[in-house]
């Protein structure tokens, strides 16, 4: 399980970095898709590690990214 959480955390990190550069390039729809993957990944990691601050932060980011994706339409 620890190895899987490590993989999920790296997926979250890499997709969040890619999302940041894509949004900075003004490709908002695609960027928010990557941000959603990143925030969901870190939300899962926080949940399984019982890290409440990580869950709150990435739960909030997830909602903000959903809003951003909605506005990108």
Protein backbone atom coordinates (compact mmCIF):
# COMPACT_ATOMS: atom_id res chain seq x y z
CA UNK A 1 0.00 0.00 0.00
CA UNK A 2 2.86 2.39 0.80
CA UNK A 3 4.36 1.93 -2.68
CA UNK A 4 0.96 2.63 -4.27
CA UNK A 5 0.55 5.81 -2.20
CA UNK A 6 4.01 6.91 -3.32
CA UNK A 7 3.02 6.41 -6.97
CA UNK A 8 -0.27 8.29 -6.47
CA UNK A 9 1.55 11.16 -4.75
CA UNK A 10 3.96 11.45 -7.70
CA UNK A 11 1.03 11.39 -10.14
CA UNK A 12 -0.48 14.25 -8.13
CA UNK A 13 2.77 16.22 -8.12
CA UNK A 14 3.52 15.77 -11.82
CA UNK A 15 -0.03 16.47 -13.00
CA UNK A 16 -0.22 19.60 -10.82
CA UNK A 17 3.05 20.92 -12.27
CA UNK A 18 1.89 20.19 -15.83
CA UNK A 19 -1.48 21.82 -15.07
CA UNK A 20 0.25 24.97 -13.82
CA UNK A 21 2.23 25.38 -17.03
CA UNK A 22 -0.77 24.60 -19.21
CA UNK A 23 -2.94 27.19 -17.42
CA UNK A 24 -0.06 29.68 -17.67
CA UNK A 25 -0.12 29.00 -21.42
CA UNK A 26 -3.82 29.99 -21.45
CA UNK A 27 -5.10 26.50 -22.23
CA UNK A 28 -7.48 26.63 -19.30
CA UNK A 29 -9.72 23.62 -19.97
CA UNK A 30 -6.82 21.19 -20.32
CA UNK A 31 -4.92 22.76 -17.43
CA UNK A 32 -7.84 22.39 -15.04
CA UNK A 33 -8.18 18.74 -16.07
CA UNK A 34 -4.58 18.17 -14.95
CA UNK A 35 -5.18 20.16 -11.76
CA UNK A 36 -8.20 17.97 -10.97
CA UNK A 37 -6.10 14.83 -11.34
CA UNK A 38 -3.46 16.36 -9.07
CA UNK A 39 -5.85 17.46 -6.35
CA UNK A 40 -7.73 14.15 -6.38
CA UNK A 41 -4.45 12.24 -6.14
CA UNK A 42 -3.30 14.26 -3.13
CA UNK A 43 -6.77 14.06 -1.60
CA UNK A 44 -6.53 10.25 -1.69
CA UNK A 45 -3.01 10.30 -0.24
CA UNK A 46 -4.12 12.61 2.58
CA UNK A 47 -7.12 10.41 3.32
CA UNK A 48 -5.09 7.20 3.57
CA UNK A 49 -2.35 8.90 5.60
CA UNK A 50 -5.02 10.43 7.87
CA UNK A 51 -3.52 13.87 7.21
CA UNK A 52 -6.43 16.25 7.75
CA UNK A 53 -4.59 19.35 6.56
CA UNK A 54 -3.73 17.66 3.25
CA UNK A 55 -7.34 16.53 2.84
CA UNK A 56 -8.73 20.02 3.54
CA UNK A 57 -6.21 21.72 1.24
CA UNK A 58 -6.71 19.39 -1.70
CA UNK A 59 -10.44 19.10 -1.17
CA UNK A 60 -10.56 22.88 -1.49
CA UNK A 61 -8.27 22.80 -4.54
CA UNK A 62 -10.50 20.13 -6.10
CA UNK A 63 -13.59 22.32 -5.70
CA UNK A 64 -11.73 25.37 -7.04
CA UNK A 65 -10.54 23.33 -10.03
CA UNK A 66 -14.07 22.12 -10.76
CA UNK A 67 -15.18 25.75 -10.72
CA UNK A 68 -12.29 26.68 -13.02
CA UNK A 69 -13.17 23.86 -15.40
CA UNK A 70 -16.80 25.00 -15.41
CA UNK A 71 -15.75 28.58 -16.19
CA UNK A 72 -13.38 27.39 -18.92
CA UNK A 73 -16.41 26.19 -20.92
